[in-house]
Amino acid sequence: MIRTVLKAGIVTAALLAAPVVLSAPAHAATSTVGGTSRVPAGDDVYRDWYASHSNCVTAGQGGIDRGHWDHYTCSEGDWLWHLWTNR
């Protein structure tokens, strides 16, 4: 299977052994939504990944300020922070 990844306008393809389903990581126990910890809801939309928690929070809050979403979650991955939003 070939998976196409879009990141900052760059398209790359990666060969994967099994299909990948984008869903909330099972280990997403720590997250921030206005200071409240929670796990991404099942219907949240995955937005992007960040190298630091503060960058993820800045992007999430920026989306709220611009009216793109009402809430966000920054969940910790193995090496990165993942931004999830409600729309």
C-alpha atoms as a PDB file:
ATOM      1  CA  MET A   1       0.000   0.000   0.000  1.00  0.00           C
ATOM      2  CA  ILE A   2       1.189   3.526  -0.731  1.00  0.00           C
ATOM      3  CA  ARG A   3       0.259   6.314   1.657  1.00  0.00           C
ATOM      4  CA  THR A   4       0.474   9.915   0.493  1.00  0.00           C
ATOM      5  CA  VAL A   5       1.441  12.438   3.152  1.00  0.00           C
ATOM      6  CA  LEU A   6       0.798  16.171   2.781  1.00  0.00           C
ATOM      7  CA  LYS A   7       2.938  18.449   4.955  1.00  0.00           C
ATOM      8  CA  ALA A   8       3.464  22.147   4.290  1.00  0.00           C
ATOM      9  CA  GLY A   9       2.667  21.796   0.587  1.00  0.00           C
ATOM     10  CA  ILE A  10       5.064  18.873   0.046  1.00  0.00           C
ATOM     11  CA  VAL A  11       3.698  15.545  -1.151  1.00  0.00           C
ATOM     12  CA  THR A  12       5.590  12.385  -0.268  1.00  0.00           C
ATOM     13  CA  ALA A  13       4.689   8.723  -0.587  1.00  0.00           C
ATOM     14  CA  ALA A  14       5.604   6.015   1.877  1.00  0.00           C
ATOM     15  CA  LEU A  15       5.248   2.256   1.497  1.00  0.00           C
ATOM     16  CA  LEU A  16       3.407   0.697   4.403  1.00  0.00           C
ATOM     17  CA  ALA A  17       2.947  -2.955   5.289  1.00  0.00           C
ATOM     18  CA  ALA A  18      -0.646  -2.454   6.503  1.00  0.00           C
ATOM     19  CA  PRO A  19      -3.337   0.185   6.015  1.00  0.00           C
ATOM     20  CA  VAL A  20      -3.185   3.138   8.378  1.00  0.00           C
ATOM     21  CA  VAL A  21      -6.318   4.543   9.948  1.00  0.00           C
ATOM     22  CA  LEU A  22      -6.112   8.063  11.361  1.00  0.00           C
ATOM     23  CA  SER A  23      -7.615   7.984  14.816  1.00  0.00           C
ATOM     24  CA  ALA A  24      -6.771   9.266  18.259  1.00  0.00           C
ATOM     25  CA  PRO A  25      -3.617   7.585  19.561  1.00  0.00           C
ATOM     26  CA  ALA A  26      -4.338   5.042  22.289  1.00  0.00           C
ATOM     27  CA  HIS A  27      -1.629   6.639  24.454  1.00  0.00           C
ATOM     28  CA  ALA A  28      -3.047  10.165  24.172  1.00  0.00           C
ATOM     29  CA  ALA A  29      -3.560  10.474  27.908  1.00  0.00           C
ATOM     30  CA  THR A  30      -2.116  13.973  28.224  1.00  0.00           C
ATOM     31  CA  SER A  31      -3.587  16.834  26.289  1.00  0.00           C
ATOM     32  CA  THR A  32      -4.440  20.485  26.726  1.00  0.00           C
ATOM     33  CA  VAL A  33      -7.650  22.330  26.041  1.00  0.00           C
ATOM     34  CA  GLY A  34      -7.551  25.643  27.838  1.00  0.00           C
ATOM     35  CA  GLY A  35      -5.628  23.985  30.678  1.00  0.00           C
ATOM     36  CA  THR A  36      -7.882  20.912  30.920  1.00  0.00           C
ATOM     37  CA  SER A  37      -6.504  17.427  30.216  1.00  0.00           C
ATOM     38  CA  ARG A  38      -8.543  15.129  28.003  1.00  0.00           C
ATOM     39  CA  VAL A  39      -8.208  12.479  25.298  1.00  0.00           C
ATOM     40  CA  PRO A  40      -9.310  13.442  21.742  1.00  0.00           C
ATOM     41  CA  ALA A  41     -12.954  12.602  21.048  1.00  0.00           C
ATOM     42  CA  GLY A  42     -13.681   9.976  18.424  1.00  0.00           C
ATOM     43  CA  ASP A  43     -15.037  12.589  16.005  1.00  0.00           C
ATOM     44  CA  ASP A  44     -12.143  15.053  16.399  1.00  0.00           C
ATOM     45  CA  VAL A  45     -10.173  15.968  13.251  1.00  0.00           C
ATOM     46  CA  TYR A  46      -6.416  15.403  13.115  1.00  0.00           C
ATOM     47  CA  ARG A  47      -4.660  18.614  12.041  1.00  0.00           C
ATOM     48  CA  ASP A  48      -0.882  18.375  12.319  1.00  0.00           C
ATOM     49  CA  TRP A  49       2.099  17.333  14.437  1.00  0.00           C
ATOM     50  CA  TYR A  50       4.528  19.519  16.382  1.00  0.00           C
ATOM     51  CA  ALA A  51       7.941  18.961  17.950  1.00  0.00           C
ATOM     52  CA  SER A  52       6.955  20.668  21.215  1.00  0.00           C
ATOM     53  CA  HIS A  53       3.842  20.968  23.334  1.00  0.00           C
ATOM     54  CA  SER A  54       4.012  24.780  23.323  1.00  0.00           C
ATOM     55  CA  ASN A  55       3.982  24.891  19.497  1.00  0.00           C
ATOM     56  CA  CYS A  56       0.937  22.613  19.443  1.00  0.00           C
ATOM     57  CA  VAL A  57      -0.891  24.801  21.992  1.00  0.00           C
ATOM     58  CA  THR A  58       0.005  27.959  20.040  1.00  0.00           C
ATOM     59  CA  ALA A  59      -1.418  26.455  16.824  1.00  0.00           C
ATOM     60  CA  GLY A  60      -4.541  25.212  18.598  1.00  0.00           C
ATOM     61  CA  GLN A  61      -5.226  28.559  20.240  1.00  0.00           C
ATOM     62  CA  GLY A  62      -4.535  30.357  16.959  1.00  0.00           C
ATOM     63  CA  GLY A  63      -7.264  28.292  15.296  1.00  0.00           C
ATOM     64  CA  ILE A  64      -9.713  29.246  18.046  1.00  0.00           C
ATOM     65  CA  ASP A  65      -8.767  32.928  17.701  1.00  0.00           C
ATOM     66  CA  ARG A  66      -9.355  32.756  13.922  1.00  0.00           C
ATOM     67  CA  GLY A  67     -12.698  30.954  14.403  1.00  0.00           C
ATOM     68  CA  HIS A  68     -11.614  27.722  12.662  1.00  0.00           C
ATOM     69  CA  TRP A  69     -12.607  25.484  15.629  1.00  0.00           C
ATOM     70  CA  ASP A  70     -14.112  25.730  19.111  1.00  0.00           C
ATOM     71  CA  HIS A  71     -11.706  23.478  20.978  1.00  0.00           C
ATOM     72  CA  TYR A  72      -8.459  21.627  20.399  1.00  0.00           C
ATOM     73  CA  THR A  73      -6.433  18.842  21.971  1.00  0.00           C
ATOM     74  CA  CYS A  74      -2.674  18.377  21.979  1.00  0.00           C
ATOM     75  CA  SER A  75      -1.961  14.697  22.520  1.00  0.00           C
ATOM     76  CA  GLU A  76       1.487  13.302  23.180  1.00  0.00           C
ATOM     77  CA  GLY A  77       2.815  10.764  20.720  1.00  0.00           C
ATOM     78  CA  ASP A  78       6.020   8.748  20.809  1.00  0.00           C
ATOM     79  CA  TRP A  79       8.165  11.708  19.715  1.00  0.00           C
ATOM     80  CA  LEU A  80       5.746  14.448  18.680  1.00  0.00           C
ATOM     81  CA  TRP A  81       2.643  16.331  19.819  1.00  0.00           C
ATOM     82  CA  HIS A  82      -0.506  15.897  17.717  1.00  0.00           C
ATOM     83  CA  LEU A  83      -3.153  18.599  17.236  1.00  0.00           C
ATOM     84  CA  TRP A  84      -6.804  17.461  17.155  1.00  0.00           C
ATOM     85  CA  THR A  85      -9.743  19.848  16.709  1.00  0.00           C
ATOM     86  CA  ASN A  86     -13.525  19.574  16.808  1.00  0.00           C
ATOM     87  CA  ARG A  87     -13.906  20.656  13.138  1.00  0.00           C
END
